Amino acid sequence: MTKNVIIKKLNKTERLLSLDDTERVKSGHVVLMPGEVMPLHVTTGREEVILVLKGKAEITADNSVHLVGTKGLIYIPPETPHMVKNVGKLILEYVYVVAMLA
């Protein structure tokens, strides 16, 4: 299936790319207020990268806690339970990219 080039501007929490747009990649932009949490979830059959644009994230992945700040990146292997919490005093803004395994 032929896909087109897509350009989007980050405005709010939203899905940026879906499998309707790409072959195997999904992406989204998330904004969390201080103390807010993206609940524990698993990206079944996918690997994920989270890039923190602003703020301070506490990312629990596979029962380990990682602090990731502005311009920080974390790789989440396939089938790994994970959650993201804003532990800063300001907003946490990040982009996630999820790729389906071949």
PDB file of N, CA and C in Angstrom:
ATOM      1  N   MET A   1       0.840  -1.173   0.000  1.00  0.00           N
ATOM      2  CA  MET A   1       0.000   0.000   0.000  1.00  0.00           C
ATOM      3  C   MET A   1       0.888   1.240   0.000  1.00  0.00           C
ATOM      4  N   THR A   2       0.645   2.186  -0.867  1.00  0.00           N
ATOM      5  CA  THR A   2       1.414   3.419  -0.940  1.00  0.00           C
ATOM      6  C   THR A   2       0.857   4.416   0.066  1.00  0.00           C
ATOM      7  N   LYS A   3       1.762   5.014   0.838  1.00  0.00           N
ATOM      8  CA  LYS A   3       1.373   6.018   1.827  1.00  0.00           C
ATOM      9  C   LYS A   3       1.896   7.375   1.387  1.00  0.00           C
ATOM     10  N   ASN A   4       1.270   8.436   1.864  1.00  0.00           N
ATOM     11  CA  ASN A   4       1.667   9.795   1.538  1.00  0.00           C
ATOM     12  C   ASN A   4       2.489  10.397   2.659  1.00  0.00           C
ATOM     13  N   VAL A   5       3.277  11.415   2.347  1.00  0.00           N
ATOM     14  CA  VAL A   5       3.998  12.181   3.353  1.00  0.00           C
ATOM     15  C   VAL A   5       2.970  12.937   4.185  1.00  0.00           C
ATOM     16  N   ILE A   6       3.175  12.952   5.507  1.00  0.00           N
ATOM     17  CA  ILE A   6       2.239  13.621   6.417  1.00  0.00           C
ATOM     18  C   ILE A   6       3.016  14.614   7.264  1.00  0.00           C
ATOM     19  N   ILE A   7       2.499  15.823   7.381  1.00  0.00           N
ATOM     20  CA  ILE A   7       3.101  16.848   8.235  1.00  0.00           C
ATOM     21  C   ILE A   7       2.032  17.292   9.219  1.00  0.00           C
ATOM     22  N   LYS A   8       2.387  17.316  10.513  1.00  0.00           N
ATOM     23  CA  LYS A   8       1.441  17.758  11.540  1.00  0.00           C
ATOM     24  C   LYS A   8       2.151  18.656  12.527  1.00  0.00           C
ATOM     25  N   LYS A   9       1.409  19.556  13.137  1.00  0.00           N
ATOM     26  CA  LYS A   9       1.911  20.444  14.171  1.00  0.00           C
ATOM     27  C   LYS A   9       1.412  19.946  15.522  1.00  0.00           C
ATOM     28  N   LEU A  10       2.286  19.958  16.527  1.00  0.00           N
ATOM     29  CA  LEU A  10       1.888  19.532  17.868  1.00  0.00           C
ATOM     30  C   LEU A  10       1.067  20.636  18.515  1.00  0.00           C
ATOM     31  N   ASN A  11      -0.172  20.329  18.862  1.00  0.00           N
ATOM     32  CA  ASN A  11      -1.052  21.308  19.483  1.00  0.00           C
ATOM     33  C   ASN A  11      -1.516  20.890  20.862  1.00  0.00           C
ATOM     34  N   LYS A  12      -1.907  19.649  21.019  1.00  0.00           N
ATOM     35  CA  LYS A  12      -2.499  19.158  22.253  1.00  0.00           C
ATOM     36  C   LYS A  12      -2.264  17.663  22.310  1.00  0.00           C
ATOM     37  N   THR A  13      -2.822  17.002  23.310  1.00  0.00           N
ATOM     38  CA  THR A  13      -2.724  15.552  23.356  1.00  0.00           C
ATOM     39  C   THR A  13      -3.539  14.985  22.203  1.00  0.00           C
ATOM     40  N   GLU A  14      -2.868  14.263  21.332  1.00  0.00           N
ATOM     41  CA  GLU A  14      -3.552  13.728  20.165  1.00  0.00           C
ATOM     42  C   GLU A  14      -2.709  12.634  19.523  1.00  0.00           C
ATOM     43  N   ARG A  15      -3.357  11.787  18.765  1.00  0.00           N
ATOM     44  CA  ARG A  15      -2.641  10.799  17.949  1.00  0.00           C
ATOM     45  C   ARG A  15      -2.081  11.550  16.753  1.00  0.00           C
ATOM     46  N   LEU A  16      -0.809  11.342  16.470  1.00  0.00           N
ATOM     47  CA  LEU A  16      -0.182  12.000  15.321  1.00  0.00           C
ATOM     48  C   LEU A  16      -0.259  11.131  14.076  1.00  0.00           C
ATOM     49  N   LEU A  17       0.078   9.847  14.231  1.00  0.00           N
ATOM     50  CA  LEU A  17       0.029   8.907  13.119  1.00  0.00           C
ATOM     51  C   LEU A  17      -0.661   7.635  13.570  1.00  0.00           C
ATOM     52  N   SER A  18      -1.419   7.028  12.684  1.00  0.00           N
ATOM     53  CA  SER A  18      -2.072   5.754  12.990  1.00  0.00           C
ATOM     54  C   SER A  18      -1.687   4.751  11.910  1.00  0.00           C
ATOM     55  N   LEU A  19      -2.130   3.532  12.069  1.00  0.00           N
ATOM     56  CA  LEU A  19      -1.857   2.524  11.046  1.00  0.00           C
ATOM     57  C   LEU A  19      -2.610   2.812   9.746  1.00  0.00           C
ATOM     58  N   ASP A  20      -3.578   3.718   9.784  1.00  0.00           N
ATOM     59  CA  ASP A  20      -4.221   4.160   8.546  1.00  0.00           C
ATOM     60  C   ASP A  20      -3.283   5.054   7.737  1.00  0.00           C
ATOM     61  N   ASP A  21      -2.338   5.712   8.454  1.00  0.00           N
ATOM     62  CA  ASP A  21      -1.404   6.642   7.822  1.00  0.00           C
ATOM     63  C   ASP A  21      -0.092   5.981   7.408  1.00  0.00           C
ATOM     64  N   THR A  22       0.307   4.914   8.096  1.00  0.00           N
ATOM     65  CA  THR A  22       1.635   4.320   7.928  1.00  0.00           C
ATOM     66  C   THR A  22       1.538   2.812   7.745  1.00  0.00           C
ATOM     67  N   GLU A  23       2.657   2.184   7.502  1.00  0.00           N
ATOM     68  CA  GLU A  23       2.702   0.732   7.359  1.00  0.00           C
ATOM     69  C   GLU A  23       2.726   0.035   8.716  1.00  0.00           C
ATOM     70  N   ARG A  24       3.590   0.510   9.658  1.00  0.00           N
ATOM     71  CA  ARG A  24       3.759  -0.186  10.936  1.00  0.00           C
ATOM     72  C   ARG A  24       3.993   0.740  12.116  1.00  0.00           C
ATOM     73  N   VAL A  25       3.773   2.030  11.966  1.00  0.00           N
ATOM     74  CA  VAL A  25       4.128   2.987  13.012  1.00  0.00           C
ATOM     75  C   VAL A  25       2.888   3.758  13.471  1.00  0.00           C
ATOM     76  N   LYS A  26       2.807   3.942  14.786  1.00  0.00           N
ATOM     77  CA  LYS A  26       1.817   4.846  15.375  1.00  0.00           C
ATOM     78  C   LYS A  26       2.595   5.873  16.175  1.00  0.00           C
ATOM     79  N   SER A  27       2.055   7.079  16.300  1.00  0.00           N
ATOM     80  CA  SER A  27       2.723   8.115  17.068  1.00  0.00           C
ATOM     81  C   SER A  27       1.681   9.029  17.676  1.00  0.00           C
ATOM     82  N   GLY A  28       2.034   9.601  18.810  1.00  0.00           N
ATOM     83  CA  GLY A  28       1.117  10.516  19.458  1.00  0.00           C
ATOM     84  C   GLY A  28       1.845  11.550  20.287  1.00  0.00           C
ATOM     85  N   HIS A  29       1.133  12.593  20.612  1.00  0.00           N
ATOM     86  CA  HIS A  29       1.634  13.708  21.423  1.00  0.00           C
ATOM     87  C   HIS A  29       0.797  13.735  22.690  1.00  0.00           C
ATOM     88  N   VAL A  30       1.462  13.752  23.842  1.00  0.00           N
ATOM     89  CA  VAL A  30       0.754  13.693  25.123  1.00  0.00           C
ATOM     90  C   VAL A  30       1.196  14.861  26.000  1.00  0.00           C
ATOM     91  N   VAL A  31       0.219  15.480  26.662  1.00  0.00           N
ATOM     92  CA  VAL A  31       0.490  16.520  27.645  1.00  0.00           C
ATOM     93  C   VAL A  31      -0.164  16.081  28.951  1.00  0.00           C
ATOM     94  N   LEU A  32       0.644  15.990  30.014  1.00  0.00           N
ATOM     95  CA  LEU A  32       0.136  15.628  31.338  1.00  0.00           C
ATOM     96  C   LEU A  32       0.386  16.777  32.302  1.00  0.00           C
ATOM     97  N   MET A  33      -0.605  17.093  33.109  1.00  0.00           N
ATOM     98  CA  MET A  33      -0.469  18.108  34.152  1.00  0.00           C
ATOM     99  C   MET A  33       0.315  17.508  35.323  1.00  0.00           C
ATOM    100  N   PRO A  34       0.874  18.348  36.207  1.00  0.00           N
ATOM    101  CA  PRO A  34       1.612  17.821  37.359  1.00  0.00           C
ATOM    102  C   PRO A  34       0.781  16.784  38.119  1.00  0.00           C
ATOM    103  N   GLY A  35       1.396  15.632  38.399  1.00  0.00           N
ATOM    104  CA  GLY A  35       0.731  14.546  39.109  1.00  0.00           C
ATOM    105  C   GLY A  35      -0.112  13.637  38.242  1.00  0.00           C
ATOM    106  N   GLU A  36      -0.395  14.035  37.026  1.00  0.00           N
ATOM    107  CA  GLU A  36      -1.227  13.225  36.131  1.00  0.00           C
ATOM    108  C   GLU A  36      -0.437  12.015  35.617  1.00  0.00           C
ATOM    109  N   VAL A  37      -1.169  10.926  35.336  1.00  0.00           N
ATOM    110  CA  VAL A  37      -0.547   9.659  34.958  1.00  0.00           C
ATOM    111  C   VAL A  37      -1.171   9.097  33.688  1.00  0.00           C
ATOM    112  N   MET A  38      -0.316   8.555  32.817  1.00  0.00           N
ATOM    113  CA  MET A  38      -0.771   7.696  31.720  1.00  0.00           C
ATOM    114  C   MET A  38      -0.714   6.294  32.318  1.00  0.00           C
ATOM    115  N   PRO A  39      -1.854   5.639  32.525  1.00  0.00           N
ATOM    116  CA  PRO A  39      -1.906   4.388  33.292  1.00  0.00           C
ATOM    117  C   PRO A  39      -1.062   3.255  32.697  1.00  0.00           C
ATOM    118  N   LEU A  40      -0.810   2.278  33.528  1.00  0.00           N
ATOM    119  CA  LEU A  40      -0.047   1.096  33.135  1.00  0.00           C
ATOM    120  C   LEU A  40      -0.709   0.432  31.934  1.00  0.00           C
ATOM    121  N   HIS A  41       0.098   0.135  30.927  1.00  0.00           N
ATOM    122  CA  HIS A  41      -0.390  -0.525  29.720  1.00  0.00           C
ATOM    123  C   HIS A  41       0.756  -1.294  29.067  1.00  0.00           C
ATOM    124  N   VAL A  42       0.411  -2.149  28.125  1.00  0.00           N
ATOM    125  CA  VAL A  42       1.390  -2.944  27.380  1.00  0.00           C
ATOM    126  C   VAL A  42       1.144  -2.712  25.899  1.00  0.00           C
ATOM    127  N   THR A  43       2.207  -2.460  25.145  1.00  0.00           N
ATOM    128  CA  THR A  43       2.077  -2.334  23.696  1.00  0.00           C
ATOM    129  C   THR A  43       2.375  -3.703  23.088  1.00  0.00           C
ATOM    130  N   THR A  44       1.346  -4.511  23.020  1.00  0.00           N
ATOM    131  CA  THR A  44       1.446  -5.891  22.544  1.00  0.00           C
ATOM    132  C   THR A  44       1.914  -5.942  21.090  1.00  0.00           C
ATOM    133  N   GLY A  45       2.984  -6.713  20.852  1.00  0.00           N
ATOM    134  CA  GLY A  45       3.494  -6.870  19.502  1.00  0.00           C
ATOM    135  C   GLY A  45       4.167  -5.635  18.938  1.00  0.00           C
ATOM    136  N   ARG A  46       4.541  -4.697  19.827  1.00  0.00           N
ATOM    137  CA  ARG A  46       5.133  -3.430  19.381  1.00  0.00           C
ATOM    138  C   ARG A  46       6.259  -3.020  20.317  1.00  0.00           C
ATOM    139  N   GLU A  47       7.190  -2.251  19.786  1.00  0.00           N
ATOM    140  CA  GLU A  47       8.187  -1.590  20.615  1.00  0.00           C
ATOM    141  C   GLU A  47       7.872  -0.103  20.603  1.00  0.00           C
ATOM    142  N   GLU A  48       8.338   0.621  21.628  1.00  0.00           N
ATOM    143  CA  GLU A  48       7.948   2.024  21.776  1.00  0.00           C
ATOM    144  C   GLU A  48       9.143   2.874  22.180  1.00  0.00           C
ATOM    145  N   VAL A  49       9.163   4.094  21.674  1.00  0.00           N
ATOM    146  CA  VAL A  49      10.125   5.106  22.088  1.00  0.00           C
ATOM    147  C   VAL A  49       9.329   6.297  22.599  1.00  0.00           C
ATOM    148  N   ILE A  50       9.750   6.828  23.749  1.00  0.00           N
ATOM    149  CA  ILE A  50       9.139   8.037  24.311  1.00  0.00           C
ATOM    150  C   ILE A  50      10.216   9.114  24.338  1.00  0.00           C
ATOM    151  N   LEU A  51       9.915  10.273  23.746  1.00  0.00           N
ATOM    152  CA  LEU A  51      10.817  11.420  23.738  1.00  0.00           C
ATOM    153  C   LEU A  51      10.159  12.545  24.524  1.00  0.00           C
ATOM    154  N   VAL A  52      10.776  12.919  25.638  1.00  0.00           N
ATOM    155  CA  VAL A  52      10.237  13.988  26.482  1.00  0.00           C
ATOM    156  C   VAL A  52      10.632  15.337  25.877  1.00  0.00           C
ATOM    157  N   LEU A  53       9.633  16.138  25.563  1.00  0.00           N
ATOM    158  CA  LEU A  53       9.865  17.467  24.998  1.00  0.00           C
ATOM    159  C   LEU A  53      10.023  18.516  26.088  1.00  0.00           C
ATOM    160  N   LYS A  54       9.207  18.397  27.150  1.00  0.00           N
ATOM    161  CA  LYS A  54       9.229  19.348  28.273  1.00  0.00           C
ATOM    162  C   LYS A  54       8.866  18.615  29.544  1.00  0.00           C
ATOM    163  N   GLY A  55       9.493  18.990  30.634  1.00  0.00           N
ATOM    164  CA  GLY A  55       9.086  18.482  31.930  1.00  0.00           C
ATOM    165  C   GLY A  55       9.916  17.315  32.415  1.00  0.00           C
ATOM    166  N   LYS A  56       9.346  16.641  33.428  1.00  0.00           N
ATOM    167  CA  LYS A  56      10.047  15.549  34.094  1.00  0.00           C
ATOM    168  C   LYS A  56       9.094  14.362  34.241  1.00  0.00           C
ATOM    169  N   ALA A  57       9.474  13.242  33.633  1.00  0.00           N
ATOM    170  CA  ALA A  57       8.634  12.049  33.655  1.00  0.00           C
ATOM    171  C   ALA A  57       9.245  10.985  34.549  1.00  0.00           C
ATOM    172  N   GLU A  58       8.383  10.312  35.277  1.00  0.00           N
ATOM    173  CA  GLU A  58       8.758   9.089  35.979  1.00  0.00           C
ATOM    174  C   GLU A  58       8.120   7.967  35.175  1.00  0.00           C
ATOM    175  N   ILE A  59       8.954   7.172  34.536  1.00  0.00           N
ATOM    176  CA  ILE A  59       8.456   6.107  33.674  1.00  0.00           C
ATOM    177  C   ILE A  59       8.779   4.775  34.325  1.00  0.00           C
ATOM    178  N   THR A  60       7.725   4.044  34.649  1.00  0.00           N
ATOM    179  CA  THR A  60       7.884   2.709  35.220  1.00  0.00           C
ATOM    180  C   THR A  60       7.746   1.724  34.076  1.00  0.00           C
ATOM    181  N   ALA A  61       8.810   0.938  33.877  1.00  0.00           N
ATOM    182  CA  ALA A  61       8.815  -0.041  32.788  1.00  0.00           C
ATOM    183  C   ALA A  61       9.428  -1.326  33.317  1.00  0.00           C
ATOM    184  N   ASP A  62       8.662  -2.415  33.230  1.00  0.00           N
ATOM    185  CA  ASP A  62       9.145  -3.729  33.652  1.00  0.00           C
ATOM    186  C   ASP A  62       9.616  -3.704  35.107  1.00  0.00           C
ATOM    187  N   ASN A  63       8.824  -3.059  35.965  1.00  0.00           N
ATOM    188  CA  ASN A  63       9.064  -2.963  37.410  1.00  0.00           C
ATOM    189  C   ASN A  63      10.294  -2.155  37.797  1.00  0.00           C
ATOM    190  N   SER A  64      10.830  -1.341  36.891  1.00  0.00           N
ATOM    191  CA  SER A  64      11.929  -0.420  37.195  1.00  0.00           C
ATOM    192  C   SER A  64      11.442   1.002  36.962  1.00  0.00           C
ATOM    193  N   VAL A  65      11.896   1.943  37.798  1.00  0.00           N
ATOM    194  CA  VAL A  65      11.501   3.339  37.679  1.00  0.00           C
ATOM    195  C   VAL A  65      12.652   4.128  37.065  1.00  0.00           C
ATOM    196  N   HIS A  66      12.310   4.930  36.032  1.00  0.00           N
ATOM    197  CA  HIS A  66      13.306   5.728  35.321  1.00  0.00           C
ATOM    198  C   HIS A  66      12.836   7.178  35.303  1.00  0.00           C
ATOM    199  N   LEU A  67      13.717   8.113  35.660  1.00  0.00           N
ATOM    200  CA  LEU A  67      13.404   9.530  35.543  1.00  0.00           C
ATOM    201  C   LEU A  67      13.949  10.020  34.207  1.00  0.00           C
ATOM    202  N   VAL A  68      13.073  10.620  33.424  1.00  0.00           N
ATOM    203  CA  VAL A  68      13.446  11.110  32.097  1.00  0.00           C
ATOM    204  C   VAL A  68      13.015  12.565  32.003  1.00  0.00           C
ATOM    205  N   GLY A  69      13.972  13.451  31.739  1.00  0.00           N
ATOM    206  CA  GLY A  69      13.678  14.877  31.660  1.00  0.00           C
ATOM    207  C   GLY A  69      13.655  15.389  30.235  1.00  0.00           C
ATOM    208  N   THR A  70      13.540  16.702  30.111  1.00  0.00           N
ATOM    209  CA  THR A  70      13.481  17.386  28.828  1.00  0.00           C
ATOM    210  C   THR A  70      14.593  16.906  27.902  1.00  0.00           C
ATOM    211  N   LYS A  71      14.224  16.590  26.688  1.00  0.00           N
ATOM    212  CA  LYS A  71      15.107  16.080  25.631  1.00  0.00           C
ATOM    213  C   LYS A  71      15.618  14.672  25.917  1.00  0.00           C
ATOM    214  N   GLY A  72      15.031  14.000  26.891  1.00  0.00           N
ATOM    215  CA  GLY A  72      15.401  12.623  27.194  1.00  0.00           C
ATOM    216  C   GLY A  72      14.547  11.642  26.418  1.00  0.00           C
ATOM    217  N   LEU A  73      15.093  10.461  26.209  1.00  0.00           N
ATOM    218  CA  LEU A  73      14.427   9.433  25.422  1.00  0.00           C
ATOM    219  C   LEU A  73      14.530   8.108  26.160  1.00  0.00           C
ATOM    220  N   ILE A  74      13.472   7.313  26.080  1.00  0.00           N
ATOM    221  CA  ILE A  74      13.490   5.969  26.654  1.00  0.00           C
ATOM    222  C   ILE A  74      12.908   4.999  25.627  1.00  0.00           C
ATOM    223  N   TYR A  75      13.529   3.838  25.533  1.00  0.00           N
ATOM    224  CA  TYR A  75      13.053   2.763  24.661  1.00  0.00           C
ATOM    225  C   TYR A  75      12.334   1.739  25.526  1.00  0.00           C
ATOM    226  N   ILE A  76      11.136   1.354  25.131  1.00  0.00           N
ATOM    227  CA  ILE A  76      10.337   0.347  25.830  1.00  0.00           C
ATOM    228  C   ILE A  76      10.267  -0.892  24.930  1.00  0.00           C
ATOM    229  N   PRO A  77      10.864  -2.016  25.347  1.00  0.00           N
ATOM    230  CA  PRO A  77      10.825  -3.231  24.514  1.00  0.00           C
ATOM    231  C   PRO A  77       9.392  -3.767  24.360  1.00  0.00           C
ATOM    232  N   PRO A  78       9.180  -4.610  23.356  1.00  0.00           N
ATOM    233  CA  PRO A  78       7.860  -5.213  23.162  1.00  0.00           C
ATOM    234  C   PRO A  78       7.394  -5.960  24.413  1.00  0.00           C
ATOM    235  N   GLU A  79       6.092  -5.961  24.620  1.00  0.00           N
ATOM    236  CA  GLU A  79       5.438  -6.716  25.709  1.00  0.00           C
ATOM    237  C   GLU A  79       5.827  -6.235  27.103  1.00  0.00           C
ATOM    238  N   THR A  80       6.346  -5.007  27.231  1.00  0.00           N
ATOM    239  CA  THR A  80       6.787  -4.487  28.525  1.00  0.00           C
ATOM    240  C   THR A  80       5.709  -3.605  29.145  1.00  0.00           C
ATOM    241  N   PRO A  81       5.175  -3.994  30.314  1.00  0.00           N
ATOM    242  CA  PRO A  81       4.217  -3.114  30.999  1.00  0.00           C
ATOM    243  C   PRO A  81       4.904  -1.790  31.364  1.00  0.00           C
ATOM    244  N   HIS A  82       4.230  -0.670  31.107  1.00  0.00           N
ATOM    245  CA  HIS A  82       4.825   0.626  31.431  1.00  0.00           C
ATOM    246  C   HIS A  82       3.750   1.678  31.681  1.00  0.00           C
ATOM    247  N   MET A  83       4.155   2.712  32.421  1.00  0.00           N
ATOM    248  CA  MET A  83       3.288   3.849  32.702  1.00  0.00           C
ATOM    249  C   MET A  83       4.145   5.101  32.782  1.00  0.00           C
ATOM    250  N   VAL A  84       3.524   6.260  32.593  1.00  0.00           N
ATOM    251  CA  VAL A  84       4.227   7.541  32.616  1.00  0.00           C
ATOM    252  C   VAL A  84       3.518   8.454  33.604  1.00  0.00           C
ATOM    253  N   LYS A  85       4.304   9.069  34.494  1.00  0.00           N
ATOM    254  CA  LYS A  85       3.741  10.011  35.470  1.00  0.00           C
ATOM    255  C   LYS A  85       4.511  11.320  35.398  1.00  0.00           C
ATOM    256  N   ASN A  86       3.774  12.433  35.455  1.00  0.00           N
ATOM    257  CA  ASN A  86       4.412  13.743  35.525  1.00  0.00           C
ATOM    258  C   ASN A  86       4.787  13.996  36.982  1.00  0.00           C
ATOM    259  N   VAL A  87       6.087  14.006  37.273  1.00  0.00           N
ATOM    260  CA  VAL A  87       6.560  14.238  38.639  1.00  0.00           C
ATOM    261  C   VAL A  87       7.120  15.640  38.802  1.00  0.00           C
ATOM    262  N   GLY A  88       6.968  16.471  37.781  1.00  0.00           N
ATOM    263  CA  GLY A  88       7.448  17.846  37.849  1.00  0.00           C
ATOM    264  C   GLY A  88       6.374  18.796  38.340  1.00  0.00           C
ATOM    265  N   LYS A  89       6.752  20.076  38.437  1.00  0.00           N
ATOM    266  CA  LYS A  89       5.823  21.121  38.874  1.00  0.00           C
ATOM    267  C   LYS A  89       5.157  21.820  37.695  1.00  0.00           C
ATOM    268  N   LEU A  90       5.645  21.527  36.488  1.00  0.00           N
ATOM    269  CA  LEU A  90       5.091  22.111  35.272  1.00  0.00           C
ATOM    270  C   LEU A  90       4.533  20.987  34.402  1.00  0.00           C
ATOM    271  N   ILE A  91       4.004  21.322  33.234  1.00  0.00           N
ATOM    272  CA  ILE A  91       3.455  20.284  32.352  1.00  0.00           C
ATOM    273  C   ILE A  91       4.554  19.338  31.883  1.00  0.00           C
ATOM    274  N   LEU A  92       4.144  18.122  31.604  1.00  0.00           N
ATOM    275  CA  LEU A  92       5.001  17.137  30.954  1.00  0.00           C
ATOM    276  C   LEU A  92       4.465  16.985  29.538  1.00  0.00           C
ATOM    277  N   GLU A  93       5.324  17.129  28.575  1.00  0.00           N
ATOM    278  CA  GLU A  93       4.929  16.992  27.174  1.00  0.00           C
ATOM    279  C   GLU A  93       5.872  15.999  26.523  1.00  0.00           C
ATOM    280  N   TYR A  94       5.293  14.979  25.884  1.00  0.00           N
ATOM    281  CA  TYR A  94       6.136  13.998  25.211  1.00  0.00           C
ATOM    282  C   TYR A  94       5.475  13.471  23.946  1.00  0.00           C
ATOM    283  N   VAL A  95       6.308  12.884  23.109  1.00  0.00           N
ATOM    284  CA  VAL A  95       5.859  12.217  21.895  1.00  0.00           C
ATOM    285  C   VAL A  95       6.231  10.755  22.024  1.00  0.00           C
ATOM    286  N   TYR A  96       5.296   9.873  21.667  1.00  0.00           N
ATOM    287  CA  TYR A  96       5.617   8.448  21.631  1.00  0.00           C
ATOM    288  C   TYR A  96       5.548   7.966  20.191  1.00  0.00           C
ATOM    289  N   VAL A  97       6.401   6.997  19.899  1.00  0.00           N
ATOM    290  CA  VAL A  97       6.405   6.348  18.594  1.00  0.00           C
ATOM    291  C   VAL A  97       6.378   4.851  18.854  1.00  0.00           C
ATOM    292  N   VAL A  98       5.384   4.173  18.312  1.00  0.00           N
ATOM    293  CA  VAL A  98       5.198   2.733  18.508  1.00  0.00           C
ATOM    294  C   VAL A  98       5.324   2.069  17.143  1.00  0.00           C
ATOM    295  N   ALA A  99       6.199   1.075  17.073  1.00  0.00           N
ATOM    296  CA  ALA A  99       6.401   0.355  15.811  1.00  0.00           C
ATOM    297  C   ALA A  99       5.990  -1.096  15.975  1.00  0.00           C
ATOM    298  N   MET A 100       5.169  -1.592  15.060  1.00  0.00           N
ATOM    299  CA  MET A 100       4.758  -2.989  15.080  1.00  0.00           C
ATOM    300  C   MET A 100       5.936  -3.855  14.667  1.00  0.00           C
ATOM    301  N   LEU A 101       6.048  -5.027  15.287  1.00  0.00           N
ATOM    302  CA  LEU A 101       7.086  -5.960  14.909  1.00  0.00           C
ATOM    303  C   LEU A 101       6.732  -6.603  13.573  1.00  0.00           C
ATOM    304  N   ALA A 102       7.742  -6.960  12.817  1.00  0.00           N
ATOM    305  CA  ALA A 102       7.512  -7.546  11.481  1.00  0.00           C
ATOM    306  C   ALA A 102       6.868  -8.910  11.584  1.00  0.00           C
TER     307      ALA A 102
END
